[in-house]
Each structure stands twice: as C-alpha cells, then as structure tokens.
Amino acid sequence: MPRVCAISGKKTSLGRQYTRRGLAKKKGGVGKKITGKTARTFKPNIQKIRVVVNGRVVRMKVAAKFIRRGMVIKPPIKRKVAS
C-alpha cells in the first residue's frame, strides 16, 4: 500500500539536500558556497488508525497533523465490565 494520507492526499515528495562550505558574509567571510546537491525524500508522518466513518469502524492511513487537528473521530474504547 502506498504511503498516502486518506484525508489530505499527502504523500512522499522529492527534494534536494544542499551541502555548503565557507563562512557567511555577515560573519566576516566571503559567503557560503554550494559544494553538493543530493536527492532526498520528504515523508509525511502517516499513522494507521481506526476511524469512525458513516457509523462504521475502518482502518485508515492518516497524517498525524490531521489526527491532532481532530479531523478524524476515533472509536470509543470498549471497557471490560467486571461480573
């Protein structure tokens, strides 16, 4: 299964990591120079949780950002009753 949020559609995106050397101009140097560009991935914090959808409990992959915002409703916790 892909690493995609069911609510927002967030997924792994590509980018670069820049390696720099030198001293910044404001610190008295001649400036920072880029010496390398490396491909990297940015991964969203996807969690697999149980969610109530249309009165039914289903498992979904949701970004942690949307769980914190309260955009999903978790099912109530079943408590054991002592008999």
PDB file of N, CA and C in Angstrom:
ATOM      1  N   MET A   1       0.835  -1.187   0.000  1.00  0.00           N
ATOM      2  CA  MET A   1       0.000   0.000   0.000  1.00  0.00           C
ATOM      3  C   MET A   1       0.877   1.246   0.000  1.00  0.00           C
ATOM      4  N   PRO A   2       0.452   2.270  -0.721  1.00  0.00           N
ATOM      5  CA  PRO A   2       1.269   3.476  -0.764  1.00  0.00           C
ATOM      6  C   PRO A   2       1.206   4.265   0.533  1.00  0.00           C
ATOM      7  N   ARG A   3       2.199   5.107   0.706  1.00  0.00           N
ATOM      8  CA  ARG A   3       2.284   5.956   1.899  1.00  0.00           C
ATOM      9  C   ARG A   3       1.559   7.263   1.592  1.00  0.00           C
ATOM     10  N   VAL A   4       0.209   7.227   1.643  1.00  0.00           N
ATOM     11  CA  VAL A   4      -0.620   8.375   1.285  1.00  0.00           C
ATOM     12  C   VAL A   4      -1.671   8.594   2.362  1.00  0.00           C
ATOM     13  N   CYS A   5      -1.898   9.862   2.755  1.00  0.00           N
ATOM     14  CA  CYS A   5      -2.929  10.211   3.728  1.00  0.00           C
ATOM     15  C   CYS A   5      -4.294  10.117   3.056  1.00  0.00           C
ATOM     16  N   ALA A   6      -5.250   9.452   3.728  1.00  0.00           N
ATOM     17  CA  ALA A   6      -6.583   9.270   3.166  1.00  0.00           C
ATOM     18  C   ALA A   6      -7.393  10.562   3.161  1.00  0.00           C
ATOM     19  N   ILE A   7      -7.042  11.525   4.009  1.00  0.00           N
ATOM     20  CA  ILE A   7      -7.798  12.777   4.101  1.00  0.00           C
ATOM     21  C   ILE A   7      -7.216  13.847   3.175  1.00  0.00           C
ATOM     22  N   SER A   8      -5.935  14.105   3.309  1.00  0.00           N
ATOM     23  CA  SER A   8      -5.326  15.225   2.585  1.00  0.00           C
ATOM     24  C   SER A   8      -4.658  14.821   1.280  1.00  0.00           C
ATOM     25  N   GLY A   9      -4.324  13.540   1.136  1.00  0.00           N
ATOM     26  CA  GLY A   9      -3.604  13.107  -0.064  1.00  0.00           C
ATOM     27  C   GLY A   9      -2.107  13.350   0.024  1.00  0.00           C
ATOM     28  N   LYS A  10      -1.620  13.709   1.234  1.00  0.00           N
ATOM     29  CA  LYS A  10      -0.183  13.922   1.412  1.00  0.00           C
ATOM     30  C   LYS A  10       0.554  12.628   1.102  1.00  0.00           C
ATOM     31  N   LYS A  11       1.696  12.742   0.413  1.00  0.00           N
ATOM     32  CA  LYS A  11       2.498  11.567   0.112  1.00  0.00           C
ATOM     33  C   LYS A  11       3.971  11.949   0.076  1.00  0.00           C
ATOM     34  N   THR A  12       4.830  10.972  -0.137  1.00  0.00           N
ATOM     35  CA  THR A  12       6.263  11.214  -0.189  1.00  0.00           C
ATOM     36  C   THR A  12       6.574  12.149  -1.353  1.00  0.00           C
ATOM     37  N   SER A  13       7.351  13.196  -1.064  1.00  0.00           N
ATOM     38  CA  SER A  13       7.749  14.121  -2.117  1.00  0.00           C
ATOM     39  C   SER A  13       9.271  14.168  -2.199  1.00  0.00           C
ATOM     40  N   LEU A  14       9.755  14.549  -3.358  1.00  0.00           N
ATOM     41  CA  LEU A  14      11.192  14.567  -3.595  1.00  0.00           C
ATOM     42  C   LEU A  14      11.744  15.982  -3.444  1.00  0.00           C
ATOM     43  N   GLY A  15      13.023  16.052  -3.086  1.00  0.00           N
ATOM     44  CA  GLY A  15      13.683  17.346  -2.939  1.00  0.00           C
ATOM     45  C   GLY A  15      15.188  17.156  -2.975  1.00  0.00           C
ATOM     46  N   ARG A  16      15.894  18.179  -2.535  1.00  0.00           N
ATOM     47  CA  ARG A  16      17.350  18.105  -2.521  1.00  0.00           C
ATOM     48  C   ARG A  16      17.894  18.556  -1.176  1.00  0.00           C
ATOM     49  N   GLN A  17      19.064  18.014  -0.833  1.00  0.00           N
ATOM     50  CA  GLN A  17      19.804  18.458   0.336  1.00  0.00           C
ATOM     51  C   GLN A  17      21.081  19.109  -0.181  1.00  0.00           C
ATOM     52  N   TYR A  18      21.278  20.375   0.186  1.00  0.00           N
ATOM     53  CA  TYR A  18      22.444  21.113  -0.288  1.00  0.00           C
ATOM     54  C   TYR A  18      23.540  21.089   0.766  1.00  0.00           C
ATOM     55  N   THR A  19      24.765  20.768   0.345  1.00  0.00           N
ATOM     56  CA  THR A  19      25.931  20.804   1.217  1.00  0.00           C
ATOM     57  C   THR A  19      26.664  22.109   0.954  1.00  0.00           C
ATOM     58  N   ARG A  20      26.949  22.852   2.012  1.00  0.00           N
ATOM     59  CA  ARG A  20      27.577  24.159   1.856  1.00  0.00           C
ATOM     60  C   ARG A  20      28.889  24.224   2.639  1.00  0.00           C
ATOM     61  N   ARG A  21      29.796  25.086   2.182  1.00  0.00           N
ATOM     62  CA  ARG A  21      31.037  25.336   2.907  1.00  0.00           C
ATOM     63  C   ARG A  21      31.336  26.815   2.856  1.00  0.00           C
ATOM     64  N   GLY A  22      32.184  27.274   3.735  1.00  0.00           N
ATOM     65  CA  GLY A  22      32.563  28.673   3.765  1.00  0.00           C
ATOM     66  C   GLY A  22      31.929  29.380   4.950  1.00  0.00           C
ATOM     67  N   LEU A  23      32.308  30.633   5.133  1.00  0.00           N
ATOM     68  CA  LEU A  23      31.815  31.448   6.236  1.00  0.00           C
ATOM     69  C   LEU A  23      30.862  32.497   5.673  1.00  0.00           C
ATOM     70  N   ALA A  24      29.720  32.670   6.327  1.00  0.00           N
ATOM     71  CA  ALA A  24      28.716  33.628   5.874  1.00  0.00           C
ATOM     72  C   ALA A  24      29.287  35.039   5.829  1.00  0.00           C
ATOM     73  N   LYS A  25      28.776  35.856   4.898  1.00  0.00           N
ATOM     74  CA  LYS A  25      29.268  37.235   4.755  1.00  0.00           C
ATOM     75  C   LYS A  25      29.060  38.049   6.025  1.00  0.00           C
ATOM     76  N   LYS A  26      27.913  37.861   6.675  1.00  0.00           N
ATOM     77  CA  LYS A  26      27.656  38.647   7.877  1.00  0.00           C
ATOM     78  C   LYS A  26      28.539  38.243   9.052  1.00  0.00           C
ATOM     79  N   LYS A  27      29.241  37.114   8.897  1.00  0.00           N
ATOM     80  CA  LYS A  27      30.186  36.704   9.935  1.00  0.00           C
ATOM     81  C   LYS A  27      31.618  37.038   9.528  1.00  0.00           C
ATOM     82  N   GLY A  28      31.770  37.770   8.420  1.00  0.00           N
ATOM     83  CA  GLY A  28      33.110  38.201   8.010  1.00  0.00           C
ATOM     84  C   GLY A  28      33.738  37.367   6.919  1.00  0.00           C
ATOM     85  N   GLY A  29      33.022  36.409   6.375  1.00  0.00           N
ATOM     86  CA  GLY A  29      33.578  35.567   5.323  1.00  0.00           C
ATOM     87  C   GLY A  29      33.253  36.088   3.935  1.00  0.00           C
ATOM     88  N   VAL A  30      33.567  35.286   2.920  1.00  0.00           N
ATOM     89  CA  VAL A  30      33.303  35.680   1.531  1.00  0.00           C
ATOM     90  C   VAL A  30      31.985  35.097   1.033  1.00  0.00           C
ATOM     91  N   GLY A  31      31.282  34.369   1.882  1.00  0.00           N
ATOM     92  CA  GLY A  31      29.978  33.822   1.507  1.00  0.00           C
ATOM     93  C   GLY A  31      29.985  32.306   1.471  1.00  0.00           C
ATOM     94  N   LYS A  32      28.796  31.728   1.585  1.00  0.00           N
ATOM     95  CA  LYS A  32      28.660  30.267   1.568  1.00  0.00           C
ATOM     96  C   LYS A  32      28.598  29.787   0.122  1.00  0.00           C
ATOM     97  N   LYS A  33      29.233  28.666  -0.151  1.00  0.00           N
ATOM     98  CA  LYS A  33      29.230  28.086  -1.492  1.00  0.00           C
ATOM     99  C   LYS A  33      28.593  26.697  -1.432  1.00  0.00           C
ATOM    100  N   ILE A  34      27.811  26.364  -2.447  1.00  0.00           N
ATOM    101  CA  ILE A  34      27.198  25.034  -2.520  1.00  0.00           C
ATOM    102  C   ILE A  34      28.217  24.089  -3.145  1.00  0.00           C
ATOM    103  N   THR A  35      28.517  22.980  -2.431  1.00  0.00           N
ATOM    104  CA  THR A  35      29.502  22.030  -2.927  1.00  0.00           C
ATOM    105  C   THR A  35      28.875  20.712  -3.337  1.00  0.00           C
ATOM    106  N   GLY A  36      27.583  20.518  -3.059  1.00  0.00           N
ATOM    107  CA  GLY A  36      26.948  19.270  -3.457  1.00  0.00           C
ATOM    108  C   GLY A  36      25.442  19.346  -3.342  1.00  0.00           C
ATOM    109  N   LYS A  37      24.774  18.624  -4.232  1.00  0.00           N
ATOM    110  CA  LYS A  37      23.313  18.523  -4.189  1.00  0.00           C
ATOM    111  C   LYS A  37      22.962  17.040  -4.192  1.00  0.00           C
ATOM    112  N   THR A  38      22.272  16.599  -3.158  1.00  0.00           N
ATOM    113  CA  THR A  38      21.918  15.199  -3.029  1.00  0.00           C
ATOM    114  C   THR A  38      20.396  15.066  -3.048  1.00  0.00           C
ATOM    115  N   ALA A  39      19.892  14.098  -3.795  1.00  0.00           N
ATOM    116  CA  ALA A  39      18.446  13.853  -3.828  1.00  0.00           C
ATOM    117  C   ALA A  39      18.020  13.268  -2.489  1.00  0.00           C
ATOM    118  N   ARG A  40      16.850  13.691  -1.996  1.00  0.00           N
ATOM    119  CA  ARG A  40      16.317  13.155  -0.749  1.00  0.00           C
ATOM    120  C   ARG A  40      14.803  13.125  -0.835  1.00  0.00           C
ATOM    121  N   THR A  41      14.169  12.475   0.157  1.00  0.00           N
ATOM    122  CA  THR A  41      12.713  12.391   0.174  1.00  0.00           C
ATOM    123  C   THR A  41      12.177  13.016   1.460  1.00  0.00           C
ATOM    124  N   PHE A  42      11.023  13.673   1.333  1.00  0.00           N
ATOM    125  CA  PHE A  42      10.313  14.220   2.475  1.00  0.00           C
ATOM    126  C   PHE A  42       9.108  13.321   2.706  1.00  0.00           C
ATOM    127  N   LYS A  43       9.043  12.680   3.875  1.00  0.00           N
ATOM    128  CA  LYS A  43       7.953  11.741   4.144  1.00  0.00           C
ATOM    129  C   LYS A  43       7.007  12.304   5.193  1.00  0.00           C
ATOM    130  N   PRO A  44       5.694  12.325   4.901  1.00  0.00           N
ATOM    131  CA  PRO A  44       4.738  12.787   5.904  1.00  0.00           C
ATOM    132  C   PRO A  44       4.592  11.748   7.004  1.00  0.00           C
ATOM    133  N   ASN A  45       4.185  12.200   8.187  1.00  0.00           N
ATOM    134  CA  ASN A  45       4.029  11.308   9.344  1.00  0.00           C
ATOM    135  C   ASN A  45       2.670  10.606   9.238  1.00  0.00           C
ATOM    136  N   ILE A  46       2.653   9.484   8.519  1.00  0.00           N
ATOM    137  CA  ILE A  46       1.414   8.734   8.272  1.00  0.00           C
ATOM    138  C   ILE A  46       1.233   7.678   9.354  1.00  0.00           C
ATOM    139  N   GLN A  47       0.049   7.664   9.965  1.00  0.00           N
ATOM    140  CA  GLN A  47      -0.282   6.685  11.003  1.00  0.00           C
ATOM    141  C   GLN A  47      -1.465   5.840  10.536  1.00  0.00           C
ATOM    142  N   LYS A  48      -1.439   4.567  10.859  1.00  0.00           N
ATOM    143  CA  LYS A  48      -2.555   3.678  10.534  1.00  0.00           C
ATOM    144  C   LYS A  48      -3.444   3.603  11.777  1.00  0.00           C
ATOM    145  N   ILE A  49      -4.654   4.187  11.710  1.00  0.00           N
ATOM    146  CA  ILE A  49      -5.524   4.243  12.881  1.00  0.00           C
ATOM    147  C   ILE A  49      -6.926   3.766  12.542  1.00  0.00           C
ATOM    148  N   ARG A  50      -7.674   3.434  13.595  1.00  0.00           N
ATOM    149  CA  ARG A  50      -9.076   3.061  13.447  1.00  0.00           C
ATOM    150  C   ARG A  50      -9.914   4.334  13.546  1.00  0.00           C
ATOM    151  N   VAL A  51     -10.829   4.507  12.588  1.00  0.00           N
ATOM    152  CA  VAL A  51     -11.611   5.734  12.474  1.00  0.00           C
ATOM    153  C   VAL A  51     -13.080   5.369  12.270  1.00  0.00           C
ATOM    154  N   VAL A  52     -13.976   6.199  12.810  1.00  0.00           N
ATOM    155  CA  VAL A  52     -15.400   6.010  12.587  1.00  0.00           C
ATOM    156  C   VAL A  52     -15.790   6.773  11.318  1.00  0.00           C
ATOM    157  N   VAL A  53     -16.289   6.024  10.301  1.00  0.00           N
ATOM    158  CA  VAL A  53     -16.729   6.619   9.043  1.00  0.00           C
ATOM    159  C   VAL A  53     -18.141   6.108   8.753  1.00  0.00           C
ATOM    160  N   ASN A  54     -19.112   7.010   8.702  1.00  0.00           N
ATOM    161  CA  ASN A  54     -20.519   6.641   8.461  1.00  0.00           C
ATOM    162  C   ASN A  54     -21.022   5.589   9.453  1.00  0.00           C
ATOM    163  N   GLY A  55     -20.616   5.715  10.709  1.00  0.00           N
ATOM    164  CA  GLY A  55     -21.067   4.798  11.744  1.00  0.00           C
ATOM    165  C   GLY A  55     -20.327   3.475  11.801  1.00  0.00           C
ATOM    166  N   ARG A  56     -19.371   3.267  10.917  1.00  0.00           N
ATOM    167  CA  ARG A  56     -18.599   2.021  10.909  1.00  0.00           C
ATOM    168  C   ARG A  56     -17.155   2.313  11.251  1.00  0.00           C
ATOM    169  N   VAL A  57     -16.495   1.349  11.874  1.00  0.00           N
ATOM    170  CA  VAL A  57     -15.085   1.496  12.249  1.00  0.00           C
ATOM    171  C   VAL A  57     -14.233   0.891  11.137  1.00  0.00           C
ATOM    172  N   VAL A  58     -13.361   1.718  10.561  1.00  0.00           N
ATOM    173  CA  VAL A  58     -12.475   1.253   9.497  1.00  0.00           C
ATOM    174  C   VAL A  58     -11.055   1.703   9.814  1.00  0.00           C
ATOM    175  N   ARG A  59     -10.083   1.023   9.204  1.00  0.00           N
ATOM    176  CA  ARG A  59      -8.682   1.414   9.353  1.00  0.00           C
ATOM    177  C   ARG A  59      -8.318   2.338   8.201  1.00  0.00           C
ATOM    178  N   MET A  60      -7.646   3.429   8.547  1.00  0.00           N
ATOM    179  CA  MET A  60      -7.209   4.390   7.538  1.00  0.00           C
ATOM    180  C   MET A  60      -5.787   4.830   7.820  1.00  0.00           C
ATOM    181  N   LYS A  61      -5.098   5.247   6.755  1.00  0.00           N
ATOM    182  CA  LYS A  61      -3.788   5.870   6.911  1.00  0.00           C
ATOM    183  C   LYS A  61      -4.013   7.366   6.887  1.00  0.00           C
ATOM    184  N   VAL A  62      -3.693   8.027   8.017  1.00  0.00           N
ATOM    185  CA  VAL A  62      -3.946   9.453   8.167  1.00  0.00           C
ATOM    186  C   VAL A  62      -2.680  10.138   8.663  1.00  0.00           C
ATOM    187  N   ALA A  63      -2.419  11.338   8.148  1.00  0.00           N
ATOM    188  CA  ALA A  63      -1.270  12.126   8.608  1.00  0.00           C
ATOM    189  C   ALA A  63      -1.498  12.560  10.053  1.00  0.00           C
ATOM    190  N   ALA A  64      -0.447  12.550  10.867  1.00  0.00           N
ATOM    191  CA  ALA A  64      -0.547  12.909  12.288  1.00  0.00           C
ATOM    192  C   ALA A  64      -1.059  14.331  12.461  1.00  0.00           C
ATOM    193  N   LYS A  65      -0.775  15.202  11.529  1.00  0.00           N
ATOM    194  CA  LYS A  65      -1.229  16.591  11.570  1.00  0.00           C
ATOM    195  C   LYS A  65      -2.760  16.652  11.623  1.00  0.00           C
ATOM    196  N   PHE A  66      -3.434  15.788  10.872  1.00  0.00           N
ATOM    197  CA  PHE A  66      -4.893  15.806  10.813  1.00  0.00           C
ATOM    198  C   PHE A  66      -5.518  15.068  11.999  1.00  0.00           C
ATOM    199  N   ILE A  67      -4.771  14.139  12.605  1.00  0.00           N
ATOM    200  CA  ILE A  67      -5.244  13.498  13.837  1.00  0.00           C
ATOM    201  C   ILE A  67      -5.232  14.537  14.960  1.00  0.00           C
ATOM    202  N   ARG A  68      -4.151  15.335  15.060  1.00  0.00           N
ATOM    203  CA  ARG A  68      -4.049  16.378  16.078  1.00  0.00           C
ATOM    204  C   ARG A  68      -5.111  17.446  15.901  1.00  0.00           C
ATOM    205  N   ARG A  69      -5.443  17.783  14.663  1.00  0.00           N
ATOM    206  CA  ARG A  69      -6.455  18.806  14.392  1.00  0.00           C
ATOM    207  C   ARG A  69      -7.867  18.326  14.700  1.00  0.00           C
ATOM    208  N   GLY A  70      -8.039  17.020  14.920  1.00  0.00           N
ATOM    209  CA  GLY A  70      -9.360  16.486  15.235  1.00  0.00           C
ATOM    210  C   GLY A  70     -10.218  16.273  14.005  1.00  0.00           C
ATOM    211  N   MET A  71      -9.613  16.050  12.864  1.00  0.00           N
ATOM    212  CA  MET A  71     -10.363  15.852  11.631  1.00  0.00           C
ATOM    213  C   MET A  71     -10.864  14.419  11.470  1.00  0.00           C
ATOM    214  N   VAL A  72     -10.452  13.536  12.363  1.00  0.00           N
ATOM    215  CA  VAL A  72     -10.946  12.163  12.362  1.00  0.00           C
ATOM    216  C   VAL A  72     -11.532  11.852  13.732  1.00  0.00           C
ATOM    217  N   ILE A  73     -12.527  10.990  13.759  1.00  0.00           N
ATOM    218  CA  ILE A  73     -13.158  10.588  15.017  1.00  0.00           C
ATOM    219  C   ILE A  73     -12.743   9.166  15.308  1.00  0.00           C
ATOM    220  N   LYS A  74     -12.077   8.984  16.446  1.00  0.00           N
ATOM    221  CA  LYS A  74     -11.667   7.643  16.846  1.00  0.00           C
ATOM    222  C   LYS A  74     -12.839   6.940  17.516  1.00  0.00           C
ATOM    223  N   PRO A  75     -12.912   5.605  17.400  1.00  0.00           N
ATOM    224  CA  PRO A  75     -13.999   4.885  18.060  1.00  0.00           C
ATOM    225  C   PRO A  75     -13.836   4.886  19.579  1.00  0.00           C
ATOM    226  N   PRO A  76     -14.944   4.783  20.319  1.00  0.00           N
ATOM    227  CA  PRO A  76     -14.826   4.744  21.778  1.00  0.00           C
ATOM    228  C   PRO A  76     -14.106   3.472  22.234  1.00  0.00           C
ATOM    229  N   ILE A  77     -13.409   3.576  23.345  1.00  0.00           N
ATOM    230  CA  ILE A  77     -12.665   2.449  23.886  1.00  0.00           C
ATOM    231  C   ILE A  77     -13.650   1.551  24.642  1.00  0.00           C
ATOM    232  N   LYS A  78     -13.623   0.256  24.305  1.00  0.00           N
ATOM    233  CA  LYS A  78     -14.501  -0.691  24.978  1.00  0.00           C
ATOM    234  C   LYS A  78     -13.863  -1.078  26.311  1.00  0.00           C
ATOM    235  N   ARG A  79     -14.599  -0.896  27.368  1.00  0.00           N
ATOM    236  CA  ARG A  79     -14.122  -1.237  28.704  1.00  0.00           C
ATOM    237  C   ARG A  79     -14.699  -2.584  29.120  1.00  0.00           C
ATOM    238  N   LYS A  80     -13.880  -3.391  29.772  1.00  0.00           N
ATOM    239  CA  LYS A  80     -14.365  -4.674  30.266  1.00  0.00           C
ATOM    240  C   LYS A  80     -15.135  -4.448  31.569  1.00  0.00           C
ATOM    241  N   VAL A  81     -16.291  -5.058  31.643  1.00  0.00           N
ATOM    242  CA  VAL A  81     -17.132  -4.915  32.835  1.00  0.00           C
ATOM    243  C   VAL A  81     -16.881  -6.130  33.721  1.00  0.00           C
ATOM    244  N   ALA A  82     -16.531  -5.884  34.989  1.00  0.00           N
ATOM    245  CA  ALA A  82     -16.312  -6.973  35.940  1.00  0.00           C
ATOM    246  C   ALA A  82     -17.665  -7.577  36.300  1.00  0.00           C
ATOM    247  N   SER A  83     -17.745  -8.907  36.178  1.00  0.00           N
ATOM    248  CA  SER A  83     -19.030  -9.563  36.517  1.00  0.00           C
ATOM    249  C   SER A  83     -18.909 -10.434  37.743  1.00  0.00           C
TER     250      SER A  83
END
